Amino acid sequence: IISAIILLLAVPTFFLLSTGIYPWIILGGFLIQFMSILDGVDGEIARMKFLGSDWGGFLDANLDKYVDTAAVAGMALGYLKVTGNYWVIPLSLFLIFGLGLDGYMPNKFQVMTGKRLNFHILKFVNIKRDARLLVLSLGAVFNLVLLSFLILLVFYHFKVVIRLISARRIHDQLRTDSEPKKLTLI
């Protein structure tokens, strides 16, 4: 139920942000943060009541992508309306693409290889969804849309590169382990 409420809140958040006009974008920024808090509460309530399920986790993760897209698209449209700066379009599109790859890459790799895509390099700087939404929220509230997009864009595409390197390393190790061993005669 909370996941559905969050999804419904994404609609007015998009429209508030897309105005590009204060105080509406400030309210939109606060709604981004409110949705982030609700998203955390949703999972905690499910675990506390022992109602957590694989289906619930799957549904929540996919609904999150709609919320993220609504926030980024609303901010981009509002910024474009006010400034006329068309650079916000490719930045927002590549940001949405990077956010999508963030969930897609590890899952696809696990389906293909049966192995988890671990990337120990980013273990201590892995930005979770709540931090991502905080960056977007602050970008809206303080009218730093391009800066918030650039921060997230650089981070998520850096993460994609690190995951590609890790995937190649794991793939090569799996291939080496599956090759027949050669006998050497002494």
N, C-alpha and C. Protein backbone atom coordinates (compact mmCIF):
# COMPACT_ATOMS: atom_id res chain seq x y z
N ILE A 1 0.83 -1.19 0.00
CA ILE A 1 0.00 0.00 0.00
C ILE A 1 0.88 1.26 0.00
N ILE A 2 1.93 1.21 0.84
CA ILE A 2 2.81 2.39 0.90
C ILE A 2 3.53 2.59 -0.43
N SER A 3 3.93 1.49 -1.08
CA SER A 3 4.58 1.61 -2.39
C SER A 3 3.64 2.28 -3.40
N ALA A 4 2.36 1.93 -3.35
CA ALA A 4 1.38 2.55 -4.26
C ALA A 4 1.21 4.03 -3.94
N ILE A 5 1.21 4.37 -2.65
CA ILE A 5 1.09 5.78 -2.25
C ILE A 5 2.28 6.58 -2.77
N ILE A 6 3.48 5.99 -2.64
CA ILE A 6 4.68 6.66 -3.14
C ILE A 6 4.58 6.90 -4.64
N LEU A 7 4.10 5.89 -5.36
CA LEU A 7 3.94 6.02 -6.81
C LEU A 7 2.94 7.12 -7.14
N LEU A 8 1.86 7.19 -6.39
CA LEU A 8 0.87 8.25 -6.61
C LEU A 8 1.43 9.63 -6.30
N LEU A 9 2.29 9.72 -5.28
CA LEU A 9 2.92 11.01 -4.94
C LEU A 9 3.89 11.48 -6.03
N ALA A 10 4.40 10.54 -6.81
CA ALA A 10 5.34 10.90 -7.88
C ALA A 10 4.69 11.78 -8.93
N VAL A 11 3.39 11.62 -9.14
CA VAL A 11 2.69 12.40 -10.17
C VAL A 11 2.65 13.89 -9.80
N PRO A 12 2.13 14.26 -8.62
CA PRO A 12 2.17 15.70 -8.30
C PRO A 12 3.60 16.24 -8.15
N THR A 13 4.53 15.38 -7.72
CA THR A 13 5.93 15.80 -7.61
C THR A 13 6.45 16.21 -8.98
N PHE A 14 6.17 15.39 -9.99
CA PHE A 14 6.59 15.70 -11.36
C PHE A 14 6.03 17.06 -11.79
N PHE A 15 4.73 17.27 -11.58
CA PHE A 15 4.11 18.51 -12.04
C PHE A 15 4.61 19.73 -11.26
N LEU A 16 4.85 19.57 -9.97
CA LEU A 16 5.39 20.69 -9.19
C LEU A 16 6.79 21.06 -9.68
N LEU A 17 7.63 20.05 -9.88
CA LEU A 17 8.99 20.32 -10.34
C LEU A 17 9.01 20.87 -11.76
N SER A 18 8.09 20.41 -12.58
CA SER A 18 8.10 20.82 -13.99
C SER A 18 7.67 22.27 -14.19
N THR A 19 7.11 22.91 -13.16
CA THR A 19 6.76 24.32 -13.31
C THR A 19 8.02 25.18 -13.40
N GLY A 20 9.06 24.76 -12.67
CA GLY A 20 10.29 25.54 -12.64
C GLY A 20 10.17 26.82 -11.85
N ILE A 21 9.07 27.00 -11.15
CA ILE A 21 8.77 28.25 -10.45
C ILE A 21 8.75 28.01 -8.95
N TYR A 22 9.42 28.94 -8.24
CA TYR A 22 9.33 28.90 -6.78
C TYR A 22 7.96 29.40 -6.36
N PRO A 23 7.34 28.90 -5.35
CA PRO A 23 7.75 27.92 -4.35
C PRO A 23 7.44 26.48 -4.75
N TRP A 24 6.89 26.27 -5.96
CA TRP A 24 6.46 24.92 -6.35
C TRP A 24 7.62 23.94 -6.44
N ILE A 25 8.78 24.40 -6.95
CA ILE A 25 9.89 23.45 -7.04
C ILE A 25 10.46 23.13 -5.65
N ILE A 26 10.35 24.06 -4.72
CA ILE A 26 10.78 23.76 -3.35
C ILE A 26 9.87 22.68 -2.77
N LEU A 27 8.56 22.83 -2.97
CA LEU A 27 7.61 21.83 -2.50
C LEU A 27 7.89 20.48 -3.19
N GLY A 28 8.19 20.52 -4.49
CA GLY A 28 8.55 19.29 -5.20
C GLY A 28 9.80 18.65 -4.62
N GLY A 29 10.79 19.47 -4.28
CA GLY A 29 12.02 18.95 -3.66
C GLY A 29 11.73 18.29 -2.32
N PHE A 30 10.86 18.91 -1.53
CA PHE A 30 10.48 18.31 -0.24
C PHE A 30 9.70 17.01 -0.45
N LEU A 31 8.88 16.96 -1.50
CA LEU A 31 8.15 15.73 -1.79
C LEU A 31 9.09 14.60 -2.20
N ILE A 32 10.16 14.93 -2.92
CA ILE A 32 11.15 13.91 -3.27
C ILE A 32 11.70 13.29 -1.98
N GLN A 33 12.07 14.15 -1.04
CA GLN A 33 12.62 13.65 0.23
C GLN A 33 11.57 12.89 1.03
N PHE A 34 10.33 13.34 1.02
CA PHE A 34 9.25 12.65 1.72
C PHE A 34 9.04 11.25 1.13
N MET A 35 9.09 11.14 -0.21
CA MET A 35 8.94 9.82 -0.85
C MET A 35 10.10 8.91 -0.46
N SER A 36 11.30 9.47 -0.33
CA SER A 36 12.45 8.68 0.09
C SER A 36 12.25 8.13 1.50
N ILE A 37 11.75 8.97 2.39
CA ILE A 37 11.49 8.53 3.77
C ILE A 37 10.41 7.45 3.78
N LEU A 38 9.33 7.67 3.03
CA LEU A 38 8.27 6.67 2.96
C LEU A 38 8.77 5.34 2.40
N ASP A 39 9.67 5.42 1.42
CA ASP A 39 10.23 4.20 0.83
C ASP A 39 11.00 3.40 1.88
N GLY A 40 11.76 4.08 2.74
CA GLY A 40 12.48 3.40 3.81
C GLY A 40 11.53 2.82 4.85
N VAL A 41 10.48 3.57 5.16
CA VAL A 41 9.49 3.11 6.14
C VAL A 41 8.77 1.88 5.61
N ASP A 42 8.47 1.87 4.33
CA ASP A 42 7.79 0.75 3.69
C ASP A 42 8.52 -0.57 3.95
N GLY A 43 9.80 -0.59 3.67
CA GLY A 43 10.60 -1.80 3.87
C GLY A 43 10.71 -2.18 5.34
N GLU A 44 10.89 -1.17 6.19
CA GLU A 44 11.01 -1.45 7.63
C GLU A 44 9.73 -2.05 8.20
N ILE A 45 8.59 -1.52 7.80
CA ILE A 45 7.31 -2.05 8.28
C ILE A 45 7.13 -3.49 7.82
N ALA A 46 7.46 -3.76 6.57
CA ALA A 46 7.33 -5.12 6.05
C ALA A 46 8.21 -6.09 6.84
N ARG A 47 9.45 -5.68 7.13
CA ARG A 47 10.34 -6.57 7.90
C ARG A 47 9.88 -6.71 9.34
N MET A 48 9.41 -5.61 9.93
CA MET A 48 8.98 -5.64 11.32
C MET A 48 7.74 -6.54 11.51
N LYS A 49 6.85 -6.53 10.55
CA LYS A 49 5.63 -7.34 10.63
C LYS A 49 5.83 -8.72 9.99
N PHE A 50 7.05 -9.03 9.59
CA PHE A 50 7.37 -10.29 8.93
C PHE A 50 6.52 -10.49 7.67
N LEU A 51 6.31 -9.40 6.95
CA LEU A 51 5.53 -9.44 5.72
C LEU A 51 6.42 -9.26 4.48
N GLY A 52 7.73 -9.16 4.71
CA GLY A 52 8.65 -9.00 3.59
C GLY A 52 8.59 -10.22 2.68
N SER A 53 8.68 -9.98 1.39
CA SER A 53 8.65 -11.08 0.43
C SER A 53 9.52 -10.73 -0.77
N ASP A 54 9.89 -11.75 -1.52
CA ASP A 54 10.64 -11.50 -2.75
C ASP A 54 9.81 -10.66 -3.71
N TRP A 55 8.51 -10.96 -3.79
CA TRP A 55 7.63 -10.20 -4.69
C TRP A 55 7.58 -8.73 -4.27
N GLY A 56 7.45 -8.48 -2.97
CA GLY A 56 7.41 -7.11 -2.48
C GLY A 56 8.68 -6.35 -2.79
N GLY A 57 9.83 -7.01 -2.61
CA GLY A 57 11.11 -6.38 -2.93
C GLY A 57 11.24 -6.10 -4.42
N PHE A 58 10.78 -7.04 -5.24
CA PHE A 58 10.83 -6.88 -6.69
C PHE A 58 9.93 -5.72 -7.12
N LEU A 59 8.70 -5.70 -6.60
CA LEU A 59 7.76 -4.65 -6.94
C LEU A 59 8.28 -3.28 -6.50
N ASP A 60 8.78 -3.20 -5.28
CA ASP A 60 9.29 -1.94 -4.75
C ASP A 60 10.45 -1.41 -5.60
N ALA A 61 11.38 -2.29 -5.95
CA ALA A 61 12.54 -1.86 -6.75
C ALA A 61 12.12 -1.33 -8.11
N ASN A 62 11.11 -1.94 -8.70
CA ASN A 62 10.66 -1.48 -10.02
C ASN A 62 9.83 -0.21 -9.94
N LEU A 63 9.02 -0.07 -8.91
CA LEU A 63 8.26 1.17 -8.73
C LEU A 63 9.20 2.34 -8.44
N ASP A 64 10.31 2.05 -7.76
CA ASP A 64 11.31 3.08 -7.49
C ASP A 64 11.81 3.74 -8.77
N LYS A 65 11.93 2.97 -9.83
CA LYS A 65 12.42 3.53 -11.11
C LYS A 65 11.44 4.56 -11.66
N TYR A 66 10.14 4.33 -11.47
CA TYR A 66 9.15 5.32 -11.90
C TYR A 66 9.30 6.62 -11.10
N VAL A 67 9.48 6.48 -9.81
CA VAL A 67 9.63 7.66 -8.95
C VAL A 67 10.89 8.44 -9.33
N ASP A 68 12.00 7.73 -9.51
CA ASP A 68 13.24 8.39 -9.91
C ASP A 68 13.08 9.12 -11.25
N THR A 69 12.44 8.45 -12.20
CA THR A 69 12.23 9.05 -13.51
C THR A 69 11.34 10.28 -13.43
N ALA A 70 10.28 10.21 -12.62
CA ALA A 70 9.38 11.36 -12.45
C ALA A 70 10.13 12.54 -11.86
N ALA A 71 10.99 12.29 -10.88
CA ALA A 71 11.74 13.38 -10.24
C ALA A 71 12.72 14.01 -11.23
N VAL A 72 13.50 13.19 -11.92
CA VAL A 72 14.49 13.71 -12.87
C VAL A 72 13.80 14.42 -14.03
N ALA A 73 12.76 13.81 -14.58
CA ALA A 73 12.06 14.42 -15.72
C ALA A 73 11.39 15.73 -15.32
N GLY A 74 10.77 15.77 -14.16
CA GLY A 74 10.14 17.00 -13.69
C GLY A 74 11.15 18.12 -13.49
N MET A 75 12.28 17.78 -12.86
CA MET A 75 13.32 18.79 -12.66
C MET A 75 13.87 19.28 -13.99
N ALA A 76 14.08 18.35 -14.93
CA ALA A 76 14.64 18.73 -16.23
C ALA A 76 13.67 19.63 -17.00
N LEU A 77 12.40 19.28 -16.98
CA LEU A 77 11.41 20.08 -17.71
C LEU A 77 11.28 21.48 -17.09
N GLY A 78 11.25 21.55 -15.77
CA GLY A 78 11.17 22.85 -15.11
C GLY A 78 12.39 23.70 -15.40
N TYR A 79 13.57 23.08 -15.36
CA TYR A 79 14.81 23.81 -15.64
C TYR A 79 14.81 24.32 -17.08
N LEU A 80 14.37 23.47 -18.01
CA LEU A 80 14.33 23.87 -19.42
C LEU A 80 13.35 25.03 -19.63
N LYS A 81 12.20 24.98 -19.00
CA LYS A 81 11.20 26.06 -19.14
C LYS A 81 11.76 27.40 -18.68
N VAL A 82 12.48 27.39 -17.58
CA VAL A 82 12.95 28.64 -16.98
C VAL A 82 14.21 29.16 -17.67
N THR A 83 15.14 28.28 -17.99
CA THR A 83 16.44 28.73 -18.51
C THR A 83 16.56 28.63 -20.02
N GLY A 84 15.81 27.73 -20.64
CA GLY A 84 15.97 27.50 -22.07
C GLY A 84 17.25 26.75 -22.40
N ASN A 85 17.93 26.24 -21.39
CA ASN A 85 19.19 25.52 -21.57
C ASN A 85 18.88 24.07 -21.96
N TYR A 86 19.09 23.75 -23.24
CA TYR A 86 18.75 22.41 -23.75
C TYR A 86 19.73 21.33 -23.31
N TRP A 87 20.84 21.70 -22.68
CA TRP A 87 21.79 20.70 -22.20
C TRP A 87 21.18 19.81 -21.12
N VAL A 88 20.13 20.30 -20.49
CA VAL A 88 19.49 19.52 -19.44
C VAL A 88 18.84 18.25 -20.01
N ILE A 89 18.47 18.28 -21.28
CA ILE A 89 17.81 17.11 -21.88
C ILE A 89 18.76 15.92 -21.96
N PRO A 90 19.93 16.04 -22.63
CA PRO A 90 20.81 14.85 -22.66
C PRO A 90 21.31 14.46 -21.26
N LEU A 91 21.56 15.45 -20.39
CA LEU A 91 22.00 15.11 -19.04
C LEU A 91 20.96 14.28 -18.31
N SER A 92 19.70 14.70 -18.41
CA SER A 92 18.64 13.95 -17.71
C SER A 92 18.43 12.58 -18.34
N LEU A 93 18.51 12.49 -19.66
CA LEU A 93 18.32 11.18 -20.31
C LEU A 93 19.43 10.21 -19.93
N PHE A 94 20.69 10.68 -19.95
CA PHE A 94 21.79 9.79 -19.57
C PHE A 94 21.76 9.46 -18.08
N LEU A 95 21.25 10.36 -17.26
CA LEU A 95 21.10 10.07 -15.84
C LEU A 95 20.05 8.98 -15.64
N ILE A 96 18.91 9.10 -16.29
CA ILE A 96 17.87 8.08 -16.17
C ILE A 96 18.39 6.74 -16.68
N PHE A 97 19.15 6.76 -17.77
CA PHE A 97 19.74 5.54 -18.32
C PHE A 97 20.71 4.92 -17.30
N GLY A 98 21.54 5.73 -16.69
CA GLY A 98 22.49 5.24 -15.69
C GLY A 98 21.80 4.65 -14.47
N LEU A 99 20.71 5.28 -14.05
CA LEU A 99 19.95 4.75 -12.91
C LEU A 99 19.32 3.41 -13.27
N GLY A 100 18.88 3.27 -14.50
CA GLY A 100 18.33 1.99 -14.95
C GLY A 100 19.39 0.90 -14.99
N LEU A 101 20.57 1.25 -15.50
CA LEU A 101 21.66 0.27 -15.55
C LEU A 101 22.09 -0.17 -14.16
N ASP A 102 21.95 0.71 -13.19
CA ASP A 102 22.34 0.39 -11.83
C ASP A 102 21.61 -0.85 -11.31
N GLY A 103 20.36 -0.99 -11.64
CA GLY A 103 19.62 -2.18 -11.22
C GLY A 103 19.73 -3.33 -12.21
N TYR A 104 19.85 -3.00 -13.48
CA TYR A 104 19.85 -4.02 -14.54
C TYR A 104 21.13 -4.85 -14.57
N MET A 105 22.28 -4.20 -14.50
CA MET A 105 23.55 -4.89 -14.69
C MET A 105 23.78 -6.07 -13.74
N PRO A 106 23.66 -5.87 -12.42
CA PRO A 106 23.93 -7.00 -11.54
C PRO A 106 22.94 -8.15 -11.73
N ASN A 107 21.68 -7.82 -12.00
CA ASN A 107 20.68 -8.86 -12.19
C ASN A 107 20.92 -9.65 -13.47
N LYS A 108 21.21 -8.96 -14.55
CA LYS A 108 21.48 -9.63 -15.83
C LYS A 108 22.72 -10.51 -15.73
N PHE A 109 23.76 -10.01 -15.05
CA PHE A 109 24.99 -10.79 -14.90
C PHE A 109 24.71 -12.06 -14.10
N GLN A 110 23.92 -11.95 -13.04
CA GLN A 110 23.62 -13.13 -12.22
C GLN A 110 22.80 -14.14 -13.00
N VAL A 111 21.86 -13.68 -13.81
CA VAL A 111 21.06 -14.59 -14.63
C VAL A 111 21.95 -15.31 -15.64
N MET A 112 22.88 -14.58 -16.24
CA MET A 112 23.73 -15.16 -17.28
C MET A 112 24.79 -16.10 -16.72
N THR A 113 25.35 -15.80 -15.57
CA THR A 113 26.49 -16.57 -15.07
C THR A 113 26.19 -17.36 -13.80
N GLY A 114 25.14 -17.00 -13.10
CA GLY A 114 24.86 -17.63 -11.81
C GLY A 114 25.72 -17.07 -10.69
N LYS A 115 26.51 -16.05 -11.00
CA LYS A 115 27.40 -15.43 -10.01
C LYS A 115 26.95 -14.00 -9.74
N ARG A 116 27.19 -13.57 -8.50
CA ARG A 116 26.90 -12.17 -8.14
C ARG A 116 27.97 -11.25 -8.71
N LEU A 117 27.56 -10.10 -9.13
CA LEU A 117 28.49 -9.11 -9.66
C LEU A 117 28.96 -8.23 -8.51
N ASN A 118 30.01 -8.67 -7.86
CA ASN A 118 30.57 -7.92 -6.74
C ASN A 118 31.54 -6.88 -7.28
N PHE A 119 31.49 -5.73 -6.72
CA PHE A 119 32.43 -4.69 -7.12
C PHE A 119 32.97 -4.04 -5.86
N HIS A 120 33.99 -4.66 -5.32
CA HIS A 120 34.55 -4.26 -4.03
C HIS A 120 35.14 -2.85 -4.03
N ILE A 121 35.50 -2.36 -5.19
CA ILE A 121 36.10 -1.03 -5.27
C ILE A 121 35.16 0.04 -4.73
N LEU A 122 33.85 -0.10 -5.01
CA LEU A 122 32.89 0.92 -4.60
C LEU A 122 32.17 0.57 -3.30
N LYS A 123 32.65 -0.43 -2.59
CA LYS A 123 31.95 -0.89 -1.39
C LYS A 123 31.71 0.22 -0.38
N PHE A 124 32.64 1.12 -0.23
CA PHE A 124 32.53 2.15 0.80
C PHE A 124 31.95 3.46 0.29
N VAL A 125 31.76 3.59 -1.00
CA VAL A 125 31.18 4.82 -1.55
C VAL A 125 29.93 4.53 -2.38
N ASN A 126 29.30 3.41 -2.13
CA ASN A 126 28.12 3.04 -2.88
C ASN A 126 26.93 3.88 -2.43
N ILE A 127 26.47 4.75 -3.32
CA ILE A 127 25.34 5.62 -2.99
C ILE A 127 24.05 4.81 -3.11
N LYS A 128 23.31 4.76 -2.04
CA LYS A 128 22.02 4.08 -2.03
C LYS A 128 20.94 5.05 -2.52
N ARG A 129 19.75 4.53 -2.66
CA ARG A 129 18.66 5.32 -3.22
C ARG A 129 18.33 6.54 -2.37
N ASP A 130 18.37 6.41 -1.06
CA ASP A 130 18.03 7.55 -0.21
C ASP A 130 18.99 8.71 -0.41
N ALA A 131 20.28 8.41 -0.60
CA ALA A 131 21.25 9.48 -0.86
C ALA A 131 21.03 10.09 -2.25
N ARG A 132 20.69 9.25 -3.21
CA ARG A 132 20.41 9.74 -4.56
C ARG A 132 19.22 10.70 -4.54
N LEU A 133 18.16 10.32 -3.84
CA LEU A 133 17.00 11.20 -3.76
C LEU A 133 17.29 12.46 -2.97
N LEU A 134 18.18 12.37 -1.99
CA LEU A 134 18.59 13.57 -1.25
C LEU A 134 19.30 14.55 -2.17
N VAL A 135 20.19 14.05 -3.02
CA VAL A 135 20.89 14.92 -3.97
C VAL A 135 19.89 15.59 -4.91
N LEU A 136 18.91 14.83 -5.40
CA LEU A 136 17.89 15.42 -6.27
C LEU A 136 17.04 16.44 -5.52
N SER A 137 16.67 16.10 -4.30
CA SER A 137 15.86 17.01 -3.48
C SER A 137 16.59 18.32 -3.24
N LEU A 138 17.84 18.24 -2.86
CA LEU A 138 18.64 19.45 -2.62
C LEU A 138 18.83 20.23 -3.92
N GLY A 139 19.00 19.53 -5.03
CA GLY A 139 19.12 20.20 -6.32
C GLY A 139 17.88 21.00 -6.67
N ALA A 140 16.71 20.46 -6.32
CA ALA A 140 15.46 21.18 -6.58
C ALA A 140 15.31 22.36 -5.62
N VAL A 141 15.50 22.12 -4.34
CA VAL A 141 15.28 23.16 -3.33
C VAL A 141 16.22 24.34 -3.52
N PHE A 142 17.50 24.07 -3.82
CA PHE A 142 18.48 25.14 -3.95
C PHE A 142 18.72 25.58 -5.40
N ASN A 143 17.85 25.12 -6.30
CA ASN A 143 17.94 25.48 -7.71
C ASN A 143 19.31 25.14 -8.30
N LEU A 144 19.79 23.96 -7.98
CA LEU A 144 21.06 23.46 -8.50
C LEU A 144 20.80 22.18 -9.30
N VAL A 145 19.88 22.28 -10.23
CA VAL A 145 19.44 21.12 -11.00
C VAL A 145 20.59 20.51 -11.79
N LEU A 146 21.29 21.33 -12.58
CA LEU A 146 22.38 20.79 -13.39
C LEU A 146 23.48 20.18 -12.53
N LEU A 147 23.82 20.83 -11.42
CA LEU A 147 24.86 20.29 -10.55
C LEU A 147 24.43 18.95 -9.96
N SER A 148 23.19 18.84 -9.50
CA SER A 148 22.74 17.57 -8.94
C SER A 148 22.72 16.48 -10.01
N PHE A 149 22.32 16.83 -11.22
CA PHE A 149 22.35 15.85 -12.31
C PHE A 149 23.78 15.42 -12.62
N LEU A 150 24.70 16.38 -12.69
CA LEU A 150 26.09 16.05 -13.00
C LEU A 150 26.72 15.16 -11.94
N ILE A 151 26.46 15.46 -10.67
CA ILE A 151 27.00 14.63 -9.58
C ILE A 151 26.53 13.19 -9.74
N LEU A 152 25.22 13.01 -9.93
CA LEU A 152 24.68 11.66 -10.04
C LEU A 152 25.10 10.99 -11.34
N LEU A 153 25.15 11.77 -12.41
CA LEU A 153 25.56 11.23 -13.71
C LEU A 153 26.97 10.68 -13.66
N VAL A 154 27.89 11.45 -13.13
CA VAL A 154 29.29 11.01 -13.03
C VAL A 154 29.38 9.78 -12.14
N PHE A 155 28.72 9.82 -10.99
CA PHE A 155 28.83 8.70 -10.07
C PHE A 155 28.26 7.42 -10.68
N TYR A 156 27.04 7.47 -11.24
CA TYR A 156 26.42 6.25 -11.72
C TYR A 156 27.11 5.69 -12.96
N HIS A 157 27.64 6.53 -13.81
CA HIS A 157 28.34 5.99 -14.97
C HIS A 157 29.74 5.51 -14.59
N PHE A 158 30.35 6.08 -13.57
CA PHE A 158 31.59 5.53 -13.02
C PHE A 158 31.32 4.14 -12.45
N LYS A 159 30.20 4.00 -11.78
CA LYS A 159 29.78 2.72 -11.22
C LYS A 159 29.57 1.68 -12.33
N VAL A 160 29.00 2.10 -13.45
CA VAL A 160 28.80 1.21 -14.59
C VAL A 160 30.15 0.71 -15.11
N VAL A 161 31.11 1.60 -15.24
CA VAL A 161 32.44 1.22 -15.72
C VAL A 161 33.09 0.21 -14.76
N ILE A 162 33.01 0.49 -13.47
CA ILE A 162 33.59 -0.43 -12.48
C ILE A 162 32.89 -1.79 -12.55
N ARG A 163 31.59 -1.79 -12.73
CA ARG A 163 30.86 -3.06 -12.85
C ARG A 163 31.27 -3.81 -14.11
N LEU A 164 31.49 -3.09 -15.21
CA LEU A 164 31.94 -3.75 -16.43
C LEU A 164 33.30 -4.40 -16.23
N ILE A 165 34.20 -3.71 -15.55
CA ILE A 165 35.53 -4.26 -15.27
C ILE A 165 35.38 -5.49 -14.38
N SER A 166 34.57 -5.41 -13.36
CA SER A 166 34.36 -6.54 -12.45
C SER A 166 33.72 -7.70 -13.19
N ALA A 167 32.75 -7.42 -14.05
CA ALA A 167 32.08 -8.48 -14.81
C ALA A 167 33.07 -9.19 -15.71
N ARG A 168 33.93 -8.43 -16.35
CA ARG A 168 34.93 -9.05 -17.22
C ARG A 168 35.88 -9.94 -16.42
N ARG A 169 36.30 -9.47 -15.27
CA ARG A 169 37.20 -10.23 -14.42
C ARG A 169 36.54 -11.54 -13.97
N ILE A 170 35.30 -11.46 -13.53
CA ILE A 170 34.59 -12.66 -13.08
C ILE A 170 34.35 -13.60 -14.27
N HIS A 171 33.97 -13.04 -15.41
CA HIS A 171 33.75 -13.84 -16.62
C HIS A 171 35.01 -14.59 -17.02
N ASP A 172 36.14 -13.89 -17.03
CA ASP A 172 37.40 -14.54 -17.39
C ASP A 172 37.77 -15.63 -16.40
N GLN A 173 37.52 -15.40 -15.12
CA GLN A 173 37.80 -16.41 -14.10
C GLN A 173 36.91 -17.64 -14.30
N LEU A 174 35.66 -17.43 -14.61
CA LEU A 174 34.75 -18.55 -14.85
C LEU A 174 35.18 -19.35 -16.07
N ARG A 175 35.61 -18.66 -17.12
CA ARG A 175 36.07 -19.34 -18.33
C ARG A 175 37.34 -20.15 -18.05
N THR A 176 38.26 -19.56 -17.28
CA THR A 176 39.49 -20.25 -16.93
C THR A 176 39.20 -21.49 -16.08
N ASP A 177 38.28 -21.37 -15.16
CA ASP A 177 37.93 -22.49 -14.29
C ASP A 177 37.24 -23.62 -15.04
N SER A 178 36.55 -23.31 -16.14
CA SER A 178 35.81 -24.33 -16.88
C SER A 178 36.64 -25.00 -17.97
N GLU A 179 37.79 -24.44 -18.31
CA GLU A 179 38.65 -25.05 -19.33
C GLU A 179 39.29 -26.31 -18.77
N PRO A 180 39.41 -27.33 -19.63
CA PRO A 180 40.06 -28.56 -19.15
C PRO A 180 41.54 -28.31 -18.85
N LYS A 181 42.01 -28.94 -17.81
CA LYS A 181 43.40 -28.78 -17.41
C LYS A 181 44.29 -29.64 -18.32
N LYS A 182 45.42 -29.09 -18.72
CA LYS A 182 46.36 -29.80 -19.57
C LYS A 182 47.32 -30.59 -18.71
N LEU A 183 47.56 -31.79 -19.11
CA LEU A 183 48.52 -32.63 -18.39
C LEU A 183 49.91 -32.34 -18.92
N THR A 184 50.83 -32.22 -18.04
CA THR A 184 52.22 -32.00 -18.45
C THR A 184 53.03 -33.23 -18.03
N LEU A 185 53.85 -33.66 -18.93
CA LEU A 185 54.72 -34.81 -18.66
C LEU A 185 56.08 -34.32 -18.20
N ILE A 186 56.57 -34.95 -17.22
CA ILE A 186 57.88 -34.57 -16.69
C ILE A 186 58.93 -35.46 -17.26
